[in-house]
Amino acid sequence: IPNPETGTIKTAVFKWLNAGWQKINMVKSSHILGGIKRFAAAMKSVLESPALPEVQEIVDKHKELQRKDEEELRRLVAPYLESIGSAEDAGSCPSYMISSVASGEYLQKMENEEIIRILLLEYIKTHIDNRVPETAAALALGTSAG
């Protein structure tokens, strides 16, 4: 909600929490609060980043991606999925997920909008972090650092 008098925008985010063990909620309130605080800090850093692309730029990139055919979208996101499968923290993912990504099965089941969301997120992260694109997907999207 914009407040023109103060030049601020009040936001609210609903975040579904999936926690516990054996479908029993055994999570401490302090863990939930800590997670919400980490999420809020990350969200704030994105929203307040001077490098955040303008809304119209993101809209234009989304339209550009929507015009691409399914094969092209899959080609663009494939390096991102490969990097997930080989990442050091991949051990935190279930083994069936890693094997599904590594075999290409996961990629073949992805819907176009899911692929577009990933590509847009990488596009925005590359701008905000002022980093060199890590994947061919970012390069193909015309993302550059700085």
C-alpha atoms as a PDB file:
ATOM      1  CA  ILE A   1       0.000   0.000   0.000  1.00  0.00           C
ATOM      2  CA  PRO A   2       1.719   3.217  -1.108  1.00  0.00           C
ATOM      3  CA  ASN A   3       1.933   6.172   1.249  1.00  0.00           C
ATOM      4  CA  PRO A   4       2.717   9.267  -0.850  1.00  0.00           C
ATOM      5  CA  GLU A   5       3.253  11.411   2.256  1.00  0.00           C
ATOM      6  CA  THR A   6       6.174   9.332   3.524  1.00  0.00           C
ATOM      7  CA  GLY A   7       7.326   7.901   0.192  1.00  0.00           C
ATOM      8  CA  THR A   8       6.993   4.377   1.535  1.00  0.00           C
ATOM      9  CA  ILE A   9       5.104   1.277   0.491  1.00  0.00           C
ATOM     10  CA  LYS A  10       3.634  -1.120   3.030  1.00  0.00           C
ATOM     11  CA  THR A  11       3.683  -4.733   1.879  1.00  0.00           C
ATOM     12  CA  ALA A  12       2.314  -7.965   3.229  1.00  0.00           C
ATOM     13  CA  VAL A  13       3.396 -11.443   2.231  1.00  0.00           C
ATOM     14  CA  PHE A  14       1.679 -14.719   2.948  1.00  0.00           C
ATOM     15  CA  LYS A  15       4.216 -17.521   3.254  1.00  0.00           C
ATOM     16  CA  TRP A  16       3.012 -21.084   3.641  1.00  0.00           C
ATOM     17  CA  LEU A  17       5.113 -23.004   6.133  1.00  0.00           C
ATOM     18  CA  ASN A  18       5.637 -26.688   5.627  1.00  0.00           C
ATOM     19  CA  ALA A  19       7.470 -27.970   8.643  1.00  0.00           C
ATOM     20  CA  GLY A  20       7.500 -30.802  11.069  1.00  0.00           C
ATOM     21  CA  TRP A  21       8.222 -34.491  10.993  1.00  0.00           C
ATOM     22  CA  GLN A  22       5.987 -37.422  10.054  1.00  0.00           C
ATOM     23  CA  LYS A  23       3.137 -34.945   9.472  1.00  0.00           C
ATOM     24  CA  ILE A  24       3.350 -33.888  13.111  1.00  0.00           C
ATOM     25  CA  ASN A  25       4.055 -30.235  13.789  1.00  0.00           C
ATOM     26  CA  MET A  26       7.055 -30.396  16.097  1.00  0.00           C
ATOM     27  CA  VAL A  27       8.571 -27.066  15.148  1.00  0.00           C
ATOM     28  CA  LYS A  28       9.516 -24.526  17.780  1.00  0.00           C
ATOM     29  CA  SER A  29       7.951 -21.085  17.510  1.00  0.00           C
ATOM     30  CA  SER A  30      11.434 -19.577  17.639  1.00  0.00           C
ATOM     31  CA  HIS A  31      12.412 -21.513  14.492  1.00  0.00           C
ATOM     32  CA  ILE A  32       9.353 -20.225  12.649  1.00  0.00           C
ATOM     33  CA  LEU A  33      10.034 -16.662  13.765  1.00  0.00           C
ATOM     34  CA  GLY A  34      13.689 -16.971  12.730  1.00  0.00           C
ATOM     35  CA  GLY A  35      12.658 -18.209   9.285  1.00  0.00           C
ATOM     36  CA  ILE A  36      10.186 -15.364   8.846  1.00  0.00           C
ATOM     37  CA  LYS A  37      12.855 -12.835   9.845  1.00  0.00           C
ATOM     38  CA  ARG A  38      15.349 -14.306   7.353  1.00  0.00           C
ATOM     39  CA  PHE A  39      12.697 -14.233   4.626  1.00  0.00           C
ATOM     40  CA  ALA A  40      11.791 -10.610   5.462  1.00  0.00           C
ATOM     41  CA  ALA A  41      15.442  -9.521   5.410  1.00  0.00           C
ATOM     42  CA  ALA A  42      15.979 -11.116   2.001  1.00  0.00           C
ATOM     43  CA  MET A  43      12.739  -9.635   0.665  1.00  0.00           C
ATOM     44  CA  LYS A  44      13.695  -6.179   1.953  1.00  0.00           C
ATOM     45  CA  SER A  45      17.120  -6.360   0.318  1.00  0.00           C
ATOM     46  CA  VAL A  46      15.491  -7.204  -3.018  1.00  0.00           C
ATOM     47  CA  LEU A  47      12.783  -4.545  -2.848  1.00  0.00           C
ATOM     48  CA  GLU A  48      15.217  -1.841  -1.725  1.00  0.00           C
ATOM     49  CA  SER A  49      18.006  -2.731  -4.138  1.00  0.00           C
ATOM     50  CA  PRO A  50      18.956   0.200  -6.371  1.00  0.00           C
ATOM     51  CA  ALA A  51      19.801  -2.375  -9.053  1.00  0.00           C
ATOM     52  CA  LEU A  52      16.294  -3.872  -9.110  1.00  0.00           C
ATOM     53  CA  PRO A  53      15.081  -3.694 -12.717  1.00  0.00           C
ATOM     54  CA  GLU A  54      12.156  -1.390 -13.391  1.00  0.00           C
ATOM     55  CA  VAL A  55       8.747  -3.057 -13.445  1.00  0.00           C
ATOM     56  CA  GLN A  56       8.330  -2.459 -17.183  1.00  0.00           C
ATOM     57  CA  GLU A  57      11.689  -4.121 -17.865  1.00  0.00           C
ATOM     58  CA  ILE A  58      10.557  -7.225 -15.970  1.00  0.00           C
ATOM     59  CA  VAL A  59       7.191  -7.181 -17.770  1.00  0.00           C
ATOM     60  CA  ASP A  60       8.966  -6.909 -21.134  1.00  0.00           C
ATOM     61  CA  LYS A  61      11.293  -9.798 -20.242  1.00  0.00           C
ATOM     62  CA  HIS A  62       8.268 -11.892 -19.213  1.00  0.00           C
ATOM     63  CA  LYS A  63       6.545 -11.174 -22.536  1.00  0.00           C
ATOM     64  CA  GLU A  64       9.755 -12.029 -24.388  1.00  0.00           C
ATOM     65  CA  LEU A  65       9.933 -15.384 -22.611  1.00  0.00           C
ATOM     66  CA  GLN A  66       6.250 -16.105 -23.241  1.00  0.00           C
ATOM     67  CA  ARG A  67       6.878 -15.747 -26.985  1.00  0.00           C
ATOM     68  CA  LYS A  68       9.516 -18.493 -26.918  1.00  0.00           C
ATOM     69  CA  ASP A  69       8.478 -22.023 -27.787  1.00  0.00           C
ATOM     70  CA  GLU A  70       8.635 -24.890 -25.309  1.00  0.00           C
ATOM     71  CA  GLU A  71      11.864 -26.312 -26.721  1.00  0.00           C
ATOM     72  CA  GLU A  72      13.674 -22.976 -26.445  1.00  0.00           C
ATOM     73  CA  LEU A  73      12.496 -22.467 -22.845  1.00  0.00           C
ATOM     74  CA  ARG A  74      13.731 -25.934 -21.890  1.00  0.00           C
ATOM     75  CA  ARG A  75      17.089 -25.228 -23.527  1.00  0.00           C
ATOM     76  CA  LEU A  76      17.391 -21.971 -21.567  1.00  0.00           C
ATOM     77  CA  VAL A  77      16.588 -23.481 -18.158  1.00  0.00           C
ATOM     78  CA  ALA A  78      18.597 -26.718 -18.590  1.00  0.00           C
ATOM     79  CA  PRO A  79      21.932 -25.230 -17.382  1.00  0.00           C
ATOM     80  CA  TYR A  80      20.210 -23.867 -14.272  1.00  0.00           C
ATOM     81  CA  LEU A  81      18.850 -27.314 -13.417  1.00  0.00           C
ATOM     82  CA  GLU A  82      22.263 -28.876 -14.082  1.00  0.00           C
ATOM     83  CA  SER A  83      23.838 -26.421 -11.642  1.00  0.00           C
ATOM     84  CA  ILE A  84      21.290 -27.398  -8.989  1.00  0.00           C
ATOM     85  CA  GLY A  85      22.084 -31.084  -9.407  1.00  0.00           C
ATOM     86  CA  SER A  86      25.796 -30.489  -9.008  1.00  0.00           C
ATOM     87  CA  ALA A  87      25.638 -27.847  -6.256  1.00  0.00           C
ATOM     88  CA  GLU A  88      27.326 -28.492  -2.929  1.00  0.00           C
ATOM     89  CA  ASP A  89      24.036 -28.081  -1.101  1.00  0.00           C
ATOM     90  CA  ALA A  90      22.297 -30.614  -3.350  1.00  0.00           C
ATOM     91  CA  GLY A  91      22.717 -33.036  -0.464  1.00  0.00           C
ATOM     92  CA  SER A  92      19.813 -31.308   1.269  1.00  0.00           C
ATOM     93  CA  CYS A  93      17.502 -32.387  -1.559  1.00  0.00           C
ATOM     94  CA  PRO A  94      15.911 -35.829  -1.598  1.00  0.00           C
ATOM     95  CA  SER A  95      17.872 -38.282  -3.759  1.00  0.00           C
ATOM     96  CA  TYR A  96      14.864 -38.955  -6.013  1.00  0.00           C
ATOM     97  CA  MET A  97      14.745 -35.225  -6.814  1.00  0.00           C
ATOM     98  CA  ILE A  98      18.435 -35.074  -7.680  1.00  0.00           C
ATOM     99  CA  SER A  99      18.144 -38.135  -9.933  1.00  0.00           C
ATOM    100  CA  SER A 100      15.022 -36.685 -11.588  1.00  0.00           C
ATOM    101  CA  VAL A 101      16.880 -33.447 -12.337  1.00  0.00           C
ATOM    102  CA  ALA A 102      20.058 -35.246 -13.454  1.00  0.00           C
ATOM    103  CA  SER A 103      18.174 -37.565 -15.816  1.00  0.00           C
ATOM    104  CA  GLY A 104      16.264 -34.711 -17.453  1.00  0.00           C
ATOM    105  CA  GLU A 105      12.944 -36.183 -16.314  1.00  0.00           C
ATOM    106  CA  TYR A 106      12.153 -33.145 -14.159  1.00  0.00           C
ATOM    107  CA  LEU A 107      12.858 -30.760 -17.042  1.00  0.00           C
ATOM    108  CA  GLN A 108      10.516 -32.652 -19.360  1.00  0.00           C
ATOM    109  CA  LYS A 109       7.669 -32.410 -16.824  1.00  0.00           C
ATOM    110  CA  MET A 110       8.067 -28.677 -16.201  1.00  0.00           C
ATOM    111  CA  GLU A 111       5.297 -26.377 -17.393  1.00  0.00           C
ATOM    112  CA  ASN A 112       6.308 -23.341 -19.452  1.00  0.00           C
ATOM    113  CA  GLU A 113       5.211 -20.877 -16.751  1.00  0.00           C
ATOM    114  CA  GLU A 114       7.351 -22.686 -14.170  1.00  0.00           C
ATOM    115  CA  ILE A 115      10.359 -22.367 -16.472  1.00  0.00           C
ATOM    116  CA  ILE A 116       9.591 -18.699 -17.092  1.00  0.00           C
ATOM    117  CA  ARG A 117       9.407 -18.034 -13.328  1.00  0.00           C
ATOM    118  CA  ILE A 118      12.859 -19.567 -12.851  1.00  0.00           C
ATOM    119  CA  LEU A 119      14.351 -17.613 -15.750  1.00  0.00           C
ATOM    120  CA  LEU A 120      12.855 -14.331 -14.520  1.00  0.00           C
ATOM    121  CA  LEU A 121      14.125 -14.956 -11.006  1.00  0.00           C
ATOM    122  CA  GLU A 122      17.641 -15.601 -12.329  1.00  0.00           C
ATOM    123  CA  TYR A 123      17.384 -12.452 -14.465  1.00  0.00           C
ATOM    124  CA  ILE A 124      16.446 -10.344 -11.426  1.00  0.00           C
ATOM    125  CA  LYS A 125      19.056 -11.966  -9.156  1.00  0.00           C
ATOM    126  CA  THR A 126      21.783 -11.304 -11.708  1.00  0.00           C
ATOM    127  CA  HIS A 127      20.823  -7.620 -11.826  1.00  0.00           C
ATOM    128  CA  ILE A 128      20.562  -7.199  -8.063  1.00  0.00           C
ATOM    129  CA  ASP A 129      23.754  -9.053  -7.220  1.00  0.00           C
ATOM    130  CA  ASN A 130      25.665  -7.305 -10.017  1.00  0.00           C
ATOM    131  CA  ARG A 131      27.196 -10.681 -10.760  1.00  0.00           C
ATOM    132  CA  VAL A 132      28.319 -12.428 -13.883  1.00  0.00           C
ATOM    133  CA  PRO A 133      25.589 -14.728 -15.206  1.00  0.00           C
ATOM    134  CA  GLU A 134      26.240 -18.241 -13.942  1.00  0.00           C
ATOM    135  CA  THR A 135      24.283 -20.118 -16.549  1.00  0.00           C
ATOM    136  CA  ALA A 136      23.716 -20.140 -20.260  1.00  0.00           C
ATOM    137  CA  ALA A 137      20.116 -19.269 -19.397  1.00  0.00           C
ATOM    138  CA  ALA A 138      21.193 -15.931 -17.953  1.00  0.00           C
ATOM    139  CA  LEU A 139      23.464 -15.293 -20.923  1.00  0.00           C
ATOM    140  CA  ALA A 140      20.705 -16.137 -23.381  1.00  0.00           C
ATOM    141  CA  LEU A 141      18.358 -13.763 -21.583  1.00  0.00           C
ATOM    142  CA  GLY A 142      20.740 -10.937 -22.341  1.00  0.00           C
ATOM    143  CA  THR A 143      21.666 -10.425 -18.702  1.00  0.00           C
ATOM    144  CA  SER A 144      24.905  -8.649 -17.986  1.00  0.00           C
ATOM    145  CA  ALA A 145      26.624  -7.754 -14.775  1.00  0.00           C
ATOM    146  CA  GLY A 146      26.803  -4.027 -14.266  1.00  0.00           C
END
